[in-house]
Amino acid sequence: MPYVRRNTLGEVISLHRHAEAGTAEFLPDDHAEVLAFVGGDASPGGGAEGFARLDADFVRVLEDVIDTLVAKNLINITDLPPEAQAKLFSRKSFRERSTQHSLRLFGDGAGFGNVIDDTQFGDTL
């Protein structure tokens, strides 16, 4: 898909959807130079999957930032466009549904004091 523009050293300096002046060379999306330019990993197991993982991680960071801003009353969720609100609510409900079935090592609301019952050892101090 991308047409590439190269510098005098032959390095890719920009990608374009359509051929423009100086971008006659076409490279496939998974070409090592294209992946390297967009920050992907050209090695096996990297590439688009690695870049998609970075995007997913960044989206999670943005969700956390928005949650923090709302919790601190710096913005209201209604300040966001309706489409953004809908996406945030759908992601949040999906995450809540998926974590309901996850492993809970300490149970709900259990403090660390409740993790180890040392009453059987008596007073050793």
C-alpha atoms as a PDB file:
ATOM      1  CA  MET A   1       0.000   0.000   0.000  1.00  0.00           C
ATOM      2  CA  PRO A   2       2.657   2.671   0.794  1.00  0.00           C
ATOM      3  CA  TYR A   3       4.626   4.620  -1.726  1.00  0.00           C
ATOM      4  CA  VAL A   4       7.947   5.619  -0.244  1.00  0.00           C
ATOM      5  CA  ARG A   5      10.115   8.701  -0.494  1.00  0.00           C
ATOM      6  CA  ARG A   6      13.812   8.179   0.142  1.00  0.00           C
ATOM      7  CA  ASN A   7      16.624  10.550   1.068  1.00  0.00           C
ATOM      8  CA  THR A   8      19.987  10.685  -0.721  1.00  0.00           C
ATOM      9  CA  LEU A   9      21.241   7.790   1.427  1.00  0.00           C
ATOM     10  CA  GLY A  10      18.370   5.585   0.258  1.00  0.00           C
ATOM     11  CA  GLU A  11      16.572   5.635   3.629  1.00  0.00           C
ATOM     12  CA  VAL A  12      12.796   5.836   3.769  1.00  0.00           C
ATOM     13  CA  ILE A  13      11.803   9.314   4.959  1.00  0.00           C
ATOM     14  CA  SER A  14       8.050   9.270   4.305  1.00  0.00           C
ATOM     15  CA  LEU A  15       5.165   6.982   3.327  1.00  0.00           C
ATOM     16  CA  HIS A  16       2.236   7.955   1.085  1.00  0.00           C
ATOM     17  CA  ARG A  17      -1.028   6.289   0.124  1.00  0.00           C
ATOM     18  CA  HIS A  18      -0.822   7.542  -3.456  1.00  0.00           C
ATOM     19  CA  ALA A  19       2.064   8.114  -5.823  1.00  0.00           C
ATOM     20  CA  GLU A  20       3.323  11.674  -5.624  1.00  0.00           C
ATOM     21  CA  ALA A  21       6.386  13.463  -6.939  1.00  0.00           C
ATOM     22  CA  GLY A  22       9.385  11.501  -5.703  1.00  0.00           C
ATOM     23  CA  THR A  23       7.301   8.533  -4.454  1.00  0.00           C
ATOM     24  CA  ALA A  24       7.187   6.205  -7.430  1.00  0.00           C
ATOM     25  CA  GLU A  25       8.518   3.244  -5.423  1.00  0.00           C
ATOM     26  CA  PHE A  26       5.817   1.019  -3.967  1.00  0.00           C
ATOM     27  CA  LEU A  27       6.510  -1.357  -1.049  1.00  0.00           C
ATOM     28  CA  PRO A  28       4.154  -3.908   0.529  1.00  0.00           C
ATOM     29  CA  ASP A  29       2.789  -3.181   4.023  1.00  0.00           C
ATOM     30  CA  ASP A  30       4.895  -5.936   5.577  1.00  0.00           C
ATOM     31  CA  HIS A  31       8.186  -4.884   3.949  1.00  0.00           C
ATOM     32  CA  ALA A  32      10.994  -4.576   6.519  1.00  0.00           C
ATOM     33  CA  GLU A  33      11.706  -0.935   5.613  1.00  0.00           C
ATOM     34  CA  VAL A  34       8.043   0.041   5.979  1.00  0.00           C
ATOM     35  CA  LEU A  35       7.789  -1.705   9.351  1.00  0.00           C
ATOM     36  CA  ALA A  36      11.005  -0.099  10.539  1.00  0.00           C
ATOM     37  CA  PHE A  37       9.751   3.346   9.480  1.00  0.00           C
ATOM     38  CA  VAL A  38       6.464   3.051  11.401  1.00  0.00           C
ATOM     39  CA  GLY A  39       8.223   1.659  14.441  1.00  0.00           C
ATOM     40  CA  GLY A  40       7.240  -1.953  13.939  1.00  0.00           C
ATOM     41  CA  ASP A  41       9.487  -4.942  14.348  1.00  0.00           C
ATOM     42  CA  ALA A  42      10.586  -6.525  11.093  1.00  0.00           C
ATOM     43  CA  SER A  43      11.694  -9.707  12.844  1.00  0.00           C
ATOM     44  CA  PRO A  44       9.501 -12.821  12.886  1.00  0.00           C
ATOM     45  CA  GLY A  45       6.713 -12.500  15.435  1.00  0.00           C
ATOM     46  CA  GLY A  46       6.920  -8.695  15.366  1.00  0.00           C
ATOM     47  CA  GLY A  47       5.585  -6.456  12.652  1.00  0.00           C
ATOM     48  CA  ALA A  48       1.954  -5.455  12.660  1.00  0.00           C
ATOM     49  CA  GLU A  49       1.217  -7.537  15.754  1.00  0.00           C
ATOM     50  CA  GLY A  50       3.860  -5.688  17.772  1.00  0.00           C
ATOM     51  CA  PHE A  51       2.627  -2.307  16.593  1.00  0.00           C
ATOM     52  CA  ALA A  52      -0.983  -3.282  17.331  1.00  0.00           C
ATOM     53  CA  ARG A  53       0.064  -4.300  20.860  1.00  0.00           C
ATOM     54  CA  LEU A  54       1.658  -0.883  21.350  1.00  0.00           C
ATOM     55  CA  ASP A  55      -1.550   0.761  20.157  1.00  0.00           C
ATOM     56  CA  ALA A  56      -3.658  -1.345  22.508  1.00  0.00           C
ATOM     57  CA  ASP A  57      -1.383  -0.491  25.432  1.00  0.00           C
ATOM     58  CA  PHE A  58      -1.558   3.204  24.572  1.00  0.00           C
ATOM     59  CA  VAL A  59      -5.365   3.087  24.370  1.00  0.00           C
ATOM     60  CA  ARG A  60      -5.418   1.583  27.865  1.00  0.00           C
ATOM     61  CA  VAL A  61      -3.216   4.446  29.106  1.00  0.00           C
ATOM     62  CA  LEU A  62      -5.611   6.970  27.560  1.00  0.00           C
ATOM     63  CA  GLU A  63      -8.557   5.255  29.246  1.00  0.00           C
ATOM     64  CA  ASP A  64      -6.776   5.456  32.592  1.00  0.00           C
ATOM     65  CA  VAL A  65      -5.954   9.135  32.055  1.00  0.00           C
ATOM     66  CA  ILE A  66      -9.584   9.904  31.218  1.00  0.00           C
ATOM     67  CA  ASP A  67     -10.772   7.941  34.278  1.00  0.00           C
ATOM     68  CA  THR A  68      -8.344   9.912  36.463  1.00  0.00           C
ATOM     69  CA  LEU A  69      -9.455  13.256  35.047  1.00  0.00           C
ATOM     70  CA  VAL A  70     -13.103  12.357  35.621  1.00  0.00           C
ATOM     71  CA  ALA A  71     -12.400  11.095  39.167  1.00  0.00           C
ATOM     72  CA  LYS A  72     -10.637  14.370  40.017  1.00  0.00           C
ATOM     73  CA  ASN A  73     -13.558  16.341  38.533  1.00  0.00           C
ATOM     74  CA  LEU A  74     -11.271  18.016  36.002  1.00  0.00           C
ATOM     75  CA  ILE A  75     -13.548  16.941  33.157  1.00  0.00           C
ATOM     76  CA  ASN A  76     -16.977  15.400  32.937  1.00  0.00           C
ATOM     77  CA  ILE A  77     -17.556  12.374  30.773  1.00  0.00           C
ATOM     78  CA  THR A  78     -20.266  14.434  29.050  1.00  0.00           C
ATOM     79  CA  ASP A  79     -17.572  16.903  27.919  1.00  0.00           C
ATOM     80  CA  LEU A  80     -16.423  14.250  25.451  1.00  0.00           C
ATOM     81  CA  PRO A  81     -18.112  13.727  22.080  1.00  0.00           C
ATOM     82  CA  PRO A  82     -20.952  11.158  22.153  1.00  0.00           C
ATOM     83  CA  GLU A  83     -18.928   8.740  20.007  1.00  0.00           C
ATOM     84  CA  ALA A  84     -16.021   8.863  22.460  1.00  0.00           C
ATOM     85  CA  GLN A  85     -18.393   8.337  25.394  1.00  0.00           C
ATOM     86  CA  ALA A  86     -19.932   5.295  23.709  1.00  0.00           C
ATOM     87  CA  LYS A  87     -16.525   3.758  22.988  1.00  0.00           C
ATOM     88  CA  LEU A  88     -15.286   4.382  26.523  1.00  0.00           C
ATOM     89  CA  PHE A  89     -18.405   2.847  28.063  1.00  0.00           C
ATOM     90  CA  SER A  90     -18.297  -0.202  25.791  1.00  0.00           C
ATOM     91  CA  ARG A  91     -14.591  -0.812  26.539  1.00  0.00           C
ATOM     92  CA  LYS A  92     -15.136  -0.319  30.260  1.00  0.00           C
ATOM     93  CA  SER A  93     -18.078  -2.735  30.349  1.00  0.00           C
ATOM     94  CA  PHE A  94     -16.105  -5.291  28.325  1.00  0.00           C
ATOM     95  CA  ARG A  95     -13.141  -5.030  30.719  1.00  0.00           C
ATOM     96  CA  GLU A  96     -15.437  -5.396  33.730  1.00  0.00           C
ATOM     97  CA  ARG A  97     -17.101  -8.478  32.236  1.00  0.00           C
ATOM     98  CA  SER A  98     -13.768 -10.064  31.386  1.00  0.00           C
ATOM     99  CA  THR A  99     -12.262  -9.429  34.830  1.00  0.00           C
ATOM    100  CA  GLN A 100     -15.249 -10.994  36.591  1.00  0.00           C
ATOM    101  CA  HIS A 101     -13.875 -14.375  35.576  1.00  0.00           C
ATOM    102  CA  SER A 102     -10.229 -13.636  36.317  1.00  0.00           C
ATOM    103  CA  LEU A 103      -8.188 -15.106  39.142  1.00  0.00           C
ATOM    104  CA  ARG A 104      -8.563 -13.182  42.419  1.00  0.00           C
ATOM    105  CA  LEU A 105      -5.619 -14.037  44.639  1.00  0.00           C
ATOM    106  CA  PHE A 106      -6.733 -11.997  47.645  1.00  0.00           C
ATOM    107  CA  GLY A 107     -10.487 -12.137  47.218  1.00  0.00           C
ATOM    108  CA  ASP A 108     -12.744  -9.103  47.247  1.00  0.00           C
ATOM    109  CA  GLY A 109     -11.761  -6.490  49.795  1.00  0.00           C
ATOM    110  CA  ALA A 110      -9.380  -8.753  51.677  1.00  0.00           C
ATOM    111  CA  GLY A 111      -6.561  -6.857  53.324  1.00  0.00           C
ATOM    112  CA  PHE A 112      -3.095  -8.279  53.617  1.00  0.00           C
ATOM    113  CA  GLY A 113      -3.727  -8.865  57.318  1.00  0.00           C
ATOM    114  CA  ASN A 114      -6.290 -11.488  56.401  1.00  0.00           C
ATOM    115  CA  VAL A 115      -3.989 -13.399  54.080  1.00  0.00           C
ATOM    116  CA  ILE A 116      -1.973 -15.220  56.763  1.00  0.00           C
ATOM    117  CA  ASP A 117      -3.665 -16.481  59.890  1.00  0.00           C
ATOM    118  CA  ASP A 118      -0.917 -16.546  62.521  1.00  0.00           C
ATOM    119  CA  THR A 119      -3.153 -17.124  65.556  1.00  0.00           C
ATOM    120  CA  GLN A 120      -2.105 -20.767  65.710  1.00  0.00           C
ATOM    121  CA  PHE A 121       1.479 -19.776  66.552  1.00  0.00           C
ATOM    122  CA  GLY A 122       0.610 -18.017  69.802  1.00  0.00           C
ATOM    123  CA  ASP A 123       2.428 -14.999  71.192  1.00  0.00           C
ATOM    124  CA  THR A 124       6.110 -15.496  70.343  1.00  0.00           C
ATOM    125  CA  LEU A 125       7.329 -11.995  71.204  1.00  0.00           C
END
